[in-house]
């Protein structure tokens, strides 16, 4: 997975486990993604999810993932919509975890 902005990183304090990242990605982007994607792929996804979650706005978050799909329009989706879903799912998971 290549990075849209080379060298850009999420804040170190943004903790996101592999399990949490996989859940966020599956709920917000692709429910068929799984361990078969491989460890390196998931580590790259986690890095970009952290950057999406650390972004100051959905528009800024969308810039991080705009390259993920060349065909956003074909599936009636956009990077901004996906960024908003990622952020919404992460918030729900954090809330659920805090309540349990």
PDB file of N, CA and C in Angstrom:
ATOM      1  N   UNK A   1       0.845  -1.164   0.000  1.00  0.00           N
ATOM      2  CA  UNK A   1       0.000   0.000   0.000  1.00  0.00           C
ATOM      3  C   UNK A   1       0.895   1.232   0.000  1.00  0.00           C
ATOM      4  N   UNK A   2       0.734   2.098  -0.959  1.00  0.00           N
ATOM      5  CA  UNK A   2       1.563   3.298  -0.977  1.00  0.00           C
ATOM      6  C   UNK A   2       0.889   4.399  -0.177  1.00  0.00           C
ATOM      7  N   UNK A   3       1.657   5.374   0.225  1.00  0.00           N
ATOM      8  CA  UNK A   3       1.122   6.478   1.009  1.00  0.00           C
ATOM      9  C   UNK A   3       0.908   7.679   0.107  1.00  0.00           C
ATOM     10  N   UNK A   4      -0.201   8.368   0.306  1.00  0.00           N
ATOM     11  CA  UNK A   4      -0.500   9.559  -0.479  1.00  0.00           C
ATOM     12  C   UNK A   4       0.490  10.670  -0.159  1.00  0.00           C
ATOM     13  N   UNK A   5       0.771  10.866   1.109  1.00  0.00           N
ATOM     14  CA  UNK A   5       1.694  11.904   1.538  1.00  0.00           C
ATOM     15  C   UNK A   5       2.854  11.211   2.235  1.00  0.00           C
ATOM     16  N   UNK A   6       3.958  11.109   1.564  1.00  0.00           N
ATOM     17  CA  UNK A   6       5.106  10.415   2.122  1.00  0.00           C
ATOM     18  C   UNK A   6       5.574  11.100   3.407  1.00  0.00           C
ATOM     19  N   UNK A   7       5.878  10.292   4.393  1.00  0.00           N
ATOM     20  CA  UNK A   7       6.409  10.813   5.639  1.00  0.00           C
ATOM     21  C   UNK A   7       5.349  11.299   6.610  1.00  0.00           C
ATOM     22  N   UNK A   8       4.102  11.408   6.194  1.00  0.00           N
ATOM     23  CA  UNK A   8       3.052  11.858   7.099  1.00  0.00           C
ATOM     24  C   UNK A   8       2.730  10.744   8.068  1.00  0.00           C
ATOM     25  N   UNK A   9       2.611  11.102   9.322  1.00  0.00           N
ATOM     26  CA  UNK A   9       2.328  10.096  10.330  1.00  0.00           C
ATOM     27  C   UNK A   9       1.197  10.554  11.230  1.00  0.00           C
ATOM     28  N   UNK A  10       0.572   9.600  11.871  1.00  0.00           N
ATOM     29  CA  UNK A  10      -0.458   9.900  12.857  1.00  0.00           C
ATOM     30  C   UNK A  10       0.229  10.116  14.194  1.00  0.00           C
ATOM     31  N   UNK A  11      -0.412  10.839  15.090  1.00  0.00           N
ATOM     32  CA  UNK A  11       0.179  11.045  16.414  1.00  0.00           C
ATOM     33  C   UNK A  11       0.449   9.712  17.103  1.00  0.00           C
ATOM     34  N   UNK A  12       1.557   9.640  17.801  1.00  0.00           N
ATOM     35  CA  UNK A  12       1.932   8.400  18.482  1.00  0.00           C
ATOM     36  C   UNK A  12       0.879   7.991  19.504  1.00  0.00           C
ATOM     37  N   UNK A  13       0.170   8.964  20.080  1.00  0.00           N
ATOM     38  CA  UNK A  13      -0.806   8.619  21.108  1.00  0.00           C
ATOM     39  C   UNK A  13      -2.077   7.993  20.544  1.00  0.00           C
ATOM     40  N   UNK A  14      -2.233   7.999  19.218  1.00  0.00           N
ATOM     41  CA  UNK A  14      -3.411   7.399  18.606  1.00  0.00           C
ATOM     42  C   UNK A  14      -3.219   5.889  18.561  1.00  0.00           C
ATOM     43  N   UNK A  15      -3.790   5.211  19.525  1.00  0.00           N
ATOM     44  CA  UNK A  15      -3.648   3.756  19.628  1.00  0.00           C
ATOM     45  C   UNK A  15      -4.766   3.093  18.843  1.00  0.00           C
ATOM     46  N   UNK A  16      -4.412   2.140  18.028  1.00  0.00           N
ATOM     47  CA  UNK A  16      -5.376   1.394  17.239  1.00  0.00           C
ATOM     48  C   UNK A  16      -4.796   0.000  17.049  1.00  0.00           C
ATOM     49  N   UNK A  17      -5.439  -0.993  17.633  1.00  0.00           N
ATOM     50  CA  UNK A  17      -4.945  -2.358  17.506  1.00  0.00           C
ATOM     51  C   UNK A  17      -5.309  -2.909  16.130  1.00  0.00           C
ATOM     52  N   UNK A  18      -4.667  -4.005  15.783  1.00  0.00           N
ATOM     53  CA  UNK A  18      -4.971  -4.660  14.510  1.00  0.00           C
ATOM     54  C   UNK A  18      -6.440  -5.066  14.482  1.00  0.00           C
ATOM     55  N   UNK A  19      -6.923  -5.625  15.571  1.00  0.00           N
ATOM     56  CA  UNK A  19      -8.322  -6.052  15.640  1.00  0.00           C
ATOM     57  C   UNK A  19      -9.274  -4.863  15.443  1.00  0.00           C
ATOM     58  N   UNK A  20      -8.990  -3.742  16.086  1.00  0.00           N
ATOM     59  CA  UNK A  20      -9.829  -2.553  15.934  1.00  0.00           C
ATOM     60  C   UNK A  20      -9.764  -2.027  14.503  1.00  0.00           C
ATOM     61  N   UNK A  21      -8.562  -1.984  13.955  1.00  0.00           N
ATOM     62  CA  UNK A  21      -8.401  -1.497  12.587  1.00  0.00           C
ATOM     63  C   UNK A  21      -9.142  -2.362  11.584  1.00  0.00           C
ATOM     64  N   UNK A  22      -9.055  -3.668  11.770  1.00  0.00           N
ATOM     65  CA  UNK A  22      -9.769  -4.571  10.868  1.00  0.00           C
ATOM     66  C   UNK A  22     -11.273  -4.359  10.983  1.00  0.00           C
ATOM     67  N   UNK A  23     -11.765  -4.183  12.190  1.00  0.00           N
ATOM     68  CA  UNK A  23     -13.207  -3.959  12.383  1.00  0.00           C
ATOM     69  C   UNK A  23     -13.650  -2.650  11.730  1.00  0.00           C
ATOM     70  N   UNK A  24     -12.871  -1.604  11.923  1.00  0.00           N
ATOM     71  CA  UNK A  24     -13.213  -0.310  11.321  1.00  0.00           C
ATOM     72  C   UNK A  24     -13.222  -0.424   9.799  1.00  0.00           C
ATOM     73  N   UNK A  25     -12.163  -1.010   9.244  1.00  0.00           N
ATOM     74  CA  UNK A  25     -12.058  -1.125   7.792  1.00  0.00           C
ATOM     75  C   UNK A  25     -13.204  -1.960   7.221  1.00  0.00           C
ATOM     76  N   UNK A  26     -13.500  -3.071   7.870  1.00  0.00           N
ATOM     77  CA  UNK A  26     -14.585  -3.943   7.391  1.00  0.00           C
ATOM     78  C   UNK A  26     -15.942  -3.246   7.445  1.00  0.00           C
ATOM     79  N   UNK A  27     -16.205  -2.528   8.517  1.00  0.00           N
ATOM     80  CA  UNK A  27     -17.496  -1.852   8.648  1.00  0.00           C
ATOM     81  C   UNK A  27     -17.616  -0.637   7.732  1.00  0.00           C
ATOM     82  N   UNK A  28     -16.514   0.050   7.504  1.00  0.00           N
ATOM     83  CA  UNK A  28     -16.575   1.318   6.780  1.00  0.00           C
ATOM     84  C   UNK A  28     -16.202   1.234   5.306  1.00  0.00           C
ATOM     85  N   UNK A  29     -15.392   0.243   4.942  1.00  0.00           N
ATOM     86  CA  UNK A  29     -14.857   0.236   3.576  1.00  0.00           C
ATOM     87  C   UNK A  29     -15.164  -1.060   2.829  1.00  0.00           C
ATOM     88  N   UNK A  30     -14.743  -2.198   3.373  1.00  0.00           N
ATOM     89  CA  UNK A  30     -14.871  -3.463   2.634  1.00  0.00           C
ATOM     90  C   UNK A  30     -15.091  -4.609   3.598  1.00  0.00           C
ATOM     91  N   UNK A  31     -16.325  -5.069   3.667  1.00  0.00           N
ATOM     92  CA  UNK A  31     -16.654  -6.137   4.614  1.00  0.00           C
ATOM     93  C   UNK A  31     -16.022  -7.476   4.263  1.00  0.00           C
ATOM     94  N   UNK A  32     -15.489  -7.611   3.063  1.00  0.00           N
ATOM     95  CA  UNK A  32     -14.880  -8.883   2.666  1.00  0.00           C
ATOM     96  C   UNK A  32     -13.396  -8.971   3.010  1.00  0.00           C
ATOM     97  N   UNK A  33     -12.789  -7.870   3.437  1.00  0.00           N
ATOM     98  CA  UNK A  33     -11.357  -7.880   3.760  1.00  0.00           C
ATOM     99  C   UNK A  33     -11.119  -8.723   5.007  1.00  0.00           C
ATOM    100  N   UNK A  34     -10.056  -9.492   4.979  1.00  0.00           N
ATOM    101  CA  UNK A  34      -9.755 -10.355   6.118  1.00  0.00           C
ATOM    102  C   UNK A  34      -8.276 -10.638   6.240  1.00  0.00           C
ATOM    103  N   UNK A  35      -7.937 -11.562   7.112  1.00  0.00           N
ATOM    104  CA  UNK A  35      -6.529 -11.890   7.361  1.00  0.00           C
ATOM    105  C   UNK A  35      -5.779 -12.323   6.109  1.00  0.00           C
ATOM    106  N   UNK A  36      -6.513 -12.849   5.134  1.00  0.00           N
ATOM    107  CA  UNK A  36      -5.846 -13.299   3.906  1.00  0.00           C
ATOM    108  C   UNK A  36      -5.162 -12.158   3.149  1.00  0.00           C
ATOM    109  N   UNK A  37      -5.489 -10.917   3.496  1.00  0.00           N
ATOM    110  CA  UNK A  37      -4.808  -9.770   2.883  1.00  0.00           C
ATOM    111  C   UNK A  37      -3.341  -9.732   3.291  1.00  0.00           C
ATOM    112  N   UNK A  38      -3.029 -10.330   4.402  1.00  0.00           N
ATOM    113  CA  UNK A  38      -1.635 -10.393   4.845  1.00  0.00           C
ATOM    114  C   UNK A  38      -1.286  -9.322   5.859  1.00  0.00           C
ATOM    115  N   UNK A  39      -0.306  -9.631   6.665  1.00  0.00           N
ATOM    116  CA  UNK A  39       0.113  -8.750   7.757  1.00  0.00           C
ATOM    117  C   UNK A  39       0.626  -7.403   7.262  1.00  0.00           C
ATOM    118  N   UNK A  40       1.461  -7.409   6.233  1.00  0.00           N
ATOM    119  CA  UNK A  40       2.007  -6.142   5.723  1.00  0.00           C
ATOM    120  C   UNK A  40       0.895  -5.227   5.227  1.00  0.00           C
ATOM    121  N   UNK A  41      -0.064  -5.794   4.505  1.00  0.00           N
ATOM    122  CA  UNK A  41      -1.185  -5.008   3.985  1.00  0.00           C
ATOM    123  C   UNK A  41      -1.967  -4.384   5.134  1.00  0.00           C
ATOM    124  N   UNK A  42      -2.267  -5.188   6.162  1.00  0.00           N
ATOM    125  CA  UNK A  42      -3.033  -4.675   7.295  1.00  0.00           C
ATOM    126  C   UNK A  42      -2.250  -3.626   8.080  1.00  0.00           C
ATOM    127  N   UNK A  43      -0.948  -3.784   8.189  1.00  0.00           N
ATOM    128  CA  UNK A  43      -0.152  -2.763   8.885  1.00  0.00           C
ATOM    129  C   UNK A  43      -0.205  -1.434   8.122  1.00  0.00           C
ATOM    130  N   UNK A  44      -0.166  -1.497   6.797  1.00  0.00           N
ATOM    131  CA  UNK A  44      -0.300  -0.282   5.989  1.00  0.00           C
ATOM    132  C   UNK A  44      -1.687   0.338   6.160  1.00  0.00           C
ATOM    133  N   UNK A  45      -2.719  -0.508   6.177  1.00  0.00           N
ATOM    134  CA  UNK A  45      -4.089  -0.016   6.388  1.00  0.00           C
ATOM    135  C   UNK A  45      -4.184   0.658   7.755  1.00  0.00           C
ATOM    136  N   UNK A  46      -3.624   0.025   8.793  1.00  0.00           N
ATOM    137  CA  UNK A  46      -3.653   0.612  10.129  1.00  0.00           C
ATOM    138  C   UNK A  46      -2.996   1.984  10.150  1.00  0.00           C
ATOM    139  N   UNK A  47      -1.858   2.107   9.492  1.00  0.00           N
ATOM    140  CA  UNK A  47      -1.165   3.397   9.454  1.00  0.00           C
ATOM    141  C   UNK A  47      -2.047   4.466   8.816  1.00  0.00           C
ATOM    142  N   UNK A  48      -2.725   4.107   7.750  1.00  0.00           N
ATOM    143  CA  UNK A  48      -3.574   5.098   7.085  1.00  0.00           C
ATOM    144  C   UNK A  48      -4.854   5.356   7.865  1.00  0.00           C
ATOM    145  N   UNK A  49      -5.407   4.339   8.520  1.00  0.00           N
ATOM    146  CA  UNK A  49      -6.574   4.573   9.374  1.00  0.00           C
ATOM    147  C   UNK A  49      -6.220   5.544  10.499  1.00  0.00           C
ATOM    148  N   UNK A  50      -5.048   5.380  11.069  1.00  0.00           N
ATOM    149  CA  UNK A  50      -4.609   6.302  12.126  1.00  0.00           C
ATOM    150  C   UNK A  50      -4.539   7.731  11.590  1.00  0.00           C
ATOM    151  N   UNK A  51      -4.025   7.883  10.383  1.00  0.00           N
ATOM    152  CA  UNK A  51      -3.936   9.218   9.778  1.00  0.00           C
ATOM    153  C   UNK A  51      -5.326   9.779   9.497  1.00  0.00           C
ATOM    154  N   UNK A  52      -6.254   8.921   9.053  1.00  0.00           N
ATOM    155  CA  UNK A  52      -7.638   9.361   8.820  1.00  0.00           C
ATOM    156  C   UNK A  52      -8.255   9.836  10.127  1.00  0.00           C
ATOM    157  N   UNK A  53      -8.063   9.071  11.190  1.00  0.00           N
ATOM    158  CA  UNK A  53      -8.658   9.417  12.477  1.00  0.00           C
ATOM    159  C   UNK A  53      -8.009  10.647  13.103  1.00  0.00           C
ATOM    160  N   UNK A  54      -6.752  10.890  12.795  1.00  0.00           N
ATOM    161  CA  UNK A  54      -6.050  12.045  13.345  1.00  0.00           C
ATOM    162  C   UNK A  54      -6.272  13.314  12.525  1.00  0.00           C
ATOM    163  N   UNK A  55      -6.824  13.176  11.341  1.00  0.00           N
ATOM    164  CA  UNK A  55      -7.022  14.336  10.468  1.00  0.00           C
ATOM    165  C   UNK A  55      -7.986  15.330  11.111  1.00  0.00           C
ATOM    166  N   UNK A  56      -7.773  16.619  10.869  1.00  0.00           N
ATOM    167  CA  UNK A  56      -8.617  17.640  11.497  1.00  0.00           C
ATOM    168  C   UNK A  56     -10.033  17.724  10.930  1.00  0.00           C
ATOM    169  N   UNK A  57     -10.262  17.121   9.765  1.00  0.00           N
ATOM    170  CA  UNK A  57     -11.593  17.181   9.154  1.00  0.00           C
ATOM    171  C   UNK A  57     -11.785  15.968   8.246  1.00  0.00           C
ATOM    172  N   UNK A  58     -13.037  15.730   7.869  1.00  0.00           N
ATOM    173  CA  UNK A  58     -13.318  14.632   6.937  1.00  0.00           C
ATOM    174  C   UNK A  58     -12.656  14.901   5.591  1.00  0.00           C
ATOM    175  N   UNK A  59     -12.623  16.153   5.172  1.00  0.00           N
ATOM    176  CA  UNK A  59     -11.983  16.481   3.895  1.00  0.00           C
ATOM    177  C   UNK A  59     -10.484  16.165   3.939  1.00  0.00           C
ATOM    178  N   UNK A  60      -9.838  16.516   5.033  1.00  0.00           N
ATOM    179  CA  UNK A  60      -8.412  16.212   5.176  1.00  0.00           C
ATOM    180  C   UNK A  60      -8.204  14.703   5.263  1.00  0.00           C
ATOM    181  N   UNK A  61      -9.093  14.017   5.954  1.00  0.00           N
ATOM    182  CA  UNK A  61      -9.010  12.560   6.053  1.00  0.00           C
ATOM    183  C   UNK A  61      -9.177  11.922   4.682  1.00  0.00           C
ATOM    184  N   UNK A  62     -10.062  12.476   3.879  1.00  0.00           N
ATOM    185  CA  UNK A  62     -10.297  11.941   2.537  1.00  0.00           C
ATOM    186  C   UNK A  62      -9.047  12.013   1.672  1.00  0.00           C
ATOM    187  N   UNK A  63      -8.228  13.042   1.883  1.00  0.00           N
ATOM    188  CA  UNK A  63      -6.991  13.164   1.110  1.00  0.00           C
ATOM    189  C   UNK A  63      -6.063  11.977   1.374  1.00  0.00           C
ATOM    190  N   UNK A  64      -6.116  11.437   2.587  1.00  0.00           N
ATOM    191  CA  UNK A  64      -5.264  10.301   2.951  1.00  0.00           C
ATOM    192  C   UNK A  64      -5.652   9.074   2.146  1.00  0.00           C
ATOM    193  N   UNK A  65      -6.942   8.858   1.941  1.00  0.00           N
ATOM    194  CA  UNK A  65      -7.418   7.617   1.323  1.00  0.00           C
ATOM    195  C   UNK A  65      -7.950   7.782  -0.091  1.00  0.00           C
ATOM    196  N   UNK A  66      -7.806   8.947  -0.660  1.00  0.00           N
ATOM    197  CA  UNK A  66      -8.355   9.193  -2.001  1.00  0.00           C
ATOM    198  C   UNK A  66      -7.831   8.188  -3.019  1.00  0.00           C
ATOM    199  N   UNK A  67      -6.617   7.748  -2.858  1.00  0.00           N
ATOM    200  CA  UNK A  67      -6.014   6.831  -3.835  1.00  0.00           C
ATOM    201  C   UNK A  67      -6.447   5.392  -3.638  1.00  0.00           C
ATOM    202  N   UNK A  68      -7.086   5.045  -2.495  1.00  0.00           N
ATOM    203  CA  UNK A  68      -7.443   3.647  -2.236  1.00  0.00           C
ATOM    204  C   UNK A  68      -8.200   3.011  -3.386  1.00  0.00           C
ATOM    205  N   UNK A  69      -9.139   3.764  -3.949  1.00  0.00           N
ATOM    206  CA  UNK A  69      -9.950   3.216  -5.032  1.00  0.00           C
ATOM    207  C   UNK A  69      -9.918   4.177  -6.213  1.00  0.00           C
ATOM    208  N   UNK A  70      -9.601   3.641  -7.356  1.00  0.00           N
ATOM    209  CA  UNK A  70      -9.642   4.459  -8.570  1.00  0.00           C
ATOM    210  C   UNK A  70     -11.072   4.604  -9.057  1.00  0.00           C
ATOM    211  N   UNK A  71     -11.937   3.788  -8.542  1.00  0.00           N
ATOM    212  CA  UNK A  71     -13.299   3.710  -9.064  1.00  0.00           C
ATOM    213  C   UNK A  71     -14.356   4.099  -8.038  1.00  0.00           C
ATOM    214  N   UNK A  72     -14.095   5.089  -7.197  1.00  0.00           N
ATOM    215  CA  UNK A  72     -15.083   5.505  -6.191  1.00  0.00           C
ATOM    216  C   UNK A  72     -16.443   5.756  -6.848  1.00  0.00           C
ATOM    217  N   UNK A  73     -16.456   6.453  -7.952  1.00  0.00           N
ATOM    218  CA  UNK A  73     -17.719   6.846  -8.597  1.00  0.00           C
ATOM    219  C   UNK A  73     -18.506   5.646  -9.111  1.00  0.00           C
ATOM    220  N   UNK A  74     -17.818   4.615  -9.552  1.00  0.00           N
ATOM    221  CA  UNK A  74     -18.497   3.437 -10.089  1.00  0.00           C
ATOM    222  C   UNK A  74     -19.358   2.774  -9.015  1.00  0.00           C
ATOM    223  N   UNK A  75     -18.891   2.787  -7.784  1.00  0.00           N
ATOM    224  CA  UNK A  75     -19.661   2.178  -6.697  1.00  0.00           C
ATOM    225  C   UNK A  75     -20.438   3.222  -5.904  1.00  0.00           C
ATOM    226  N   UNK A  76     -20.635   4.394  -6.521  1.00  0.00           N
ATOM    227  CA  UNK A  76     -21.381   5.491  -5.912  1.00  0.00           C
ATOM    228  C   UNK A  76     -20.819   5.840  -4.535  1.00  0.00           C
ATOM    229  N   UNK A  77     -19.510   5.989  -4.479  1.00  0.00           N
ATOM    230  CA  UNK A  77     -18.835   6.310  -3.230  1.00  0.00           C
ATOM    231  C   UNK A  77     -17.792   7.379  -3.513  1.00  0.00           C
ATOM    232  N   UNK A  78     -17.329   8.002  -2.448  1.00  0.00           N
ATOM    233  CA  UNK A  78     -16.249   8.980  -2.566  1.00  0.00           C
ATOM    234  C   UNK A  78     -15.302   8.786  -1.398  1.00  0.00           C
ATOM    235  N   UNK A  79     -14.127   9.333  -1.519  1.00  0.00           N
ATOM    236  CA  UNK A  79     -13.159   9.268  -0.421  1.00  0.00           C
ATOM    237  C   UNK A  79     -13.694   9.991   0.808  1.00  0.00           C
ATOM    238  N   UNK A  80     -14.408  11.086   0.614  1.00  0.00           N
ATOM    239  CA  UNK A  80     -14.969  11.829   1.746  1.00  0.00           C
ATOM    240  C   UNK A  80     -16.012  10.975   2.470  1.00  0.00           C
ATOM    241  N   UNK A  81     -16.890  10.320   1.714  1.00  0.00           N
ATOM    242  CA  UNK A  81     -17.894   9.449   2.347  1.00  0.00           C
ATOM    243  C   UNK A  81     -17.211   8.330   3.131  1.00  0.00           C
ATOM    244  N   UNK A  82     -16.188   7.734   2.544  1.00  0.00           N
ATOM    245  CA  UNK A  82     -15.467   6.659   3.226  1.00  0.00           C
ATOM    246  C   UNK A  82     -14.765   7.180   4.476  1.00  0.00           C
ATOM    247  N   UNK A  83     -14.143   8.342   4.387  1.00  0.00           N
ATOM    248  CA  UNK A  83     -13.473   8.935   5.544  1.00  0.00           C
ATOM    249  C   UNK A  83     -14.469   9.189   6.667  1.00  0.00           C
ATOM    250  N   UNK A  84     -15.630   9.691   6.308  1.00  0.00           N
ATOM    251  CA  UNK A  84     -16.665   9.931   7.334  1.00  0.00           C
ATOM    252  C   UNK A  84     -17.112   8.622   7.966  1.00  0.00           C
ATOM    253  N   UNK A  85     -17.274   7.568   7.166  1.00  0.00           N
ATOM    254  CA  UNK A  85     -17.671   6.266   7.717  1.00  0.00           C
ATOM    255  C   UNK A  85     -16.595   5.734   8.659  1.00  0.00           C
ATOM    256  N   UNK A  86     -15.345   5.830   8.245  1.00  0.00           N
ATOM    257  CA  UNK A  86     -14.228   5.356   9.074  1.00  0.00           C
ATOM    258  C   UNK A  86     -14.247   6.068  10.422  1.00  0.00           C
ATOM    259  N   UNK A  87     -14.396   7.379  10.393  1.00  0.00           N
ATOM    260  CA  UNK A  87     -14.381   8.163  11.623  1.00  0.00           C
ATOM    261  C   UNK A  87     -15.597   7.839  12.498  1.00  0.00           C
ATOM    262  N   UNK A  88     -16.752   7.658  11.870  1.00  0.00           N
ATOM    263  CA  UNK A  88     -17.982   7.338  12.610  1.00  0.00           C
ATOM    264  C   UNK A  88     -17.876   5.953  13.260  1.00  0.00           C
ATOM    265  N   UNK A  89     -17.401   4.957  12.496  1.00  0.00           N
ATOM    266  CA  UNK A  89     -17.264   3.603  13.034  1.00  0.00           C
ATOM    267  C   UNK A  89     -16.256   3.592  14.181  1.00  0.00           C
ATOM    268  N   UNK A  90     -15.145   4.280  14.028  1.00  0.00           N
ATOM    269  CA  UNK A  90     -14.134   4.325  15.088  1.00  0.00           C
ATOM    270  C   UNK A  90     -14.715   4.943  16.354  1.00  0.00           C
ATOM    271  N   UNK A  91     -15.495   5.981  16.220  1.00  0.00           N
ATOM    272  CA  UNK A  91     -16.129   6.616  17.384  1.00  0.00           C
ATOM    273  C   UNK A  91     -17.084   5.651  18.064  1.00  0.00           C
ATOM    274  N   UNK A  92     -17.887   4.936  17.278  1.00  0.00           N
ATOM    275  CA  UNK A  92     -18.818   3.964  17.852  1.00  0.00           C
ATOM    276  C   UNK A  92     -18.070   2.851  18.584  1.00  0.00           C
ATOM    277  N   UNK A  93     -16.980   2.360  17.988  1.00  0.00           N
ATOM    278  CA  UNK A  93     -16.215   1.301  18.630  1.00  0.00           C
ATOM    279  C   UNK A  93     -15.564   1.781  19.923  1.00  0.00           C
ATOM    280  N   UNK A  94     -15.062   2.999  19.925  1.00  0.00           N
ATOM    281  CA  UNK A  94     -14.467   3.562  21.140  1.00  0.00           C
ATOM    282  C   UNK A  94     -15.516   3.713  22.230  1.00  0.00           C
ATOM    283  N   UNK A  95     -16.694   4.184  21.858  1.00  0.00           N
ATOM    284  CA  UNK A  95     -17.780   4.350  22.826  1.00  0.00           C
ATOM    285  C   UNK A  95     -18.205   3.013  23.393  1.00  0.00           C
ATOM    286  N   UNK A  96     -18.353   2.029  22.531  1.00  0.00           N
ATOM    287  CA  UNK A  96     -18.750   0.697  22.976  1.00  0.00           C
ATOM    288  C   UNK A  96     -17.697   0.108  23.910  1.00  0.00           C
ATOM    289  N   UNK A  97     -16.446   0.304  23.575  1.00  0.00           N
ATOM    290  CA  UNK A  97     -15.354  -0.221  24.406  1.00  0.00           C
ATOM    291  C   UNK A  97     -15.333   0.468  25.770  1.00  0.00           C
ATOM    292  N   UNK A  98     -15.615   1.772  25.789  1.00  0.00           N
ATOM    293  CA  UNK A  98     -15.620   2.530  27.045  1.00  0.00           C
ATOM    294  C   UNK A  98     -16.784   2.102  27.936  1.00  0.00           C
ATOM    295  N   UNK A  99     -17.868   1.680  27.341  1.00  0.00           N
ATOM    296  CA  UNK A  99     -19.048   1.286  28.105  1.00  0.00           C
ATOM    297  C   UNK A  99     -18.971  -0.148  28.605  1.00  0.00           C
ATOM    298  N   UNK A 100     -18.078  -0.947  28.032  1.00  0.00           N
ATOM    299  CA  UNK A 100     -18.023  -2.354  28.437  1.00  0.00           C
ATOM    300  C   UNK A 100     -17.064  -2.589  29.579  1.00  0.00           C
TER     301      UNK A 100
END
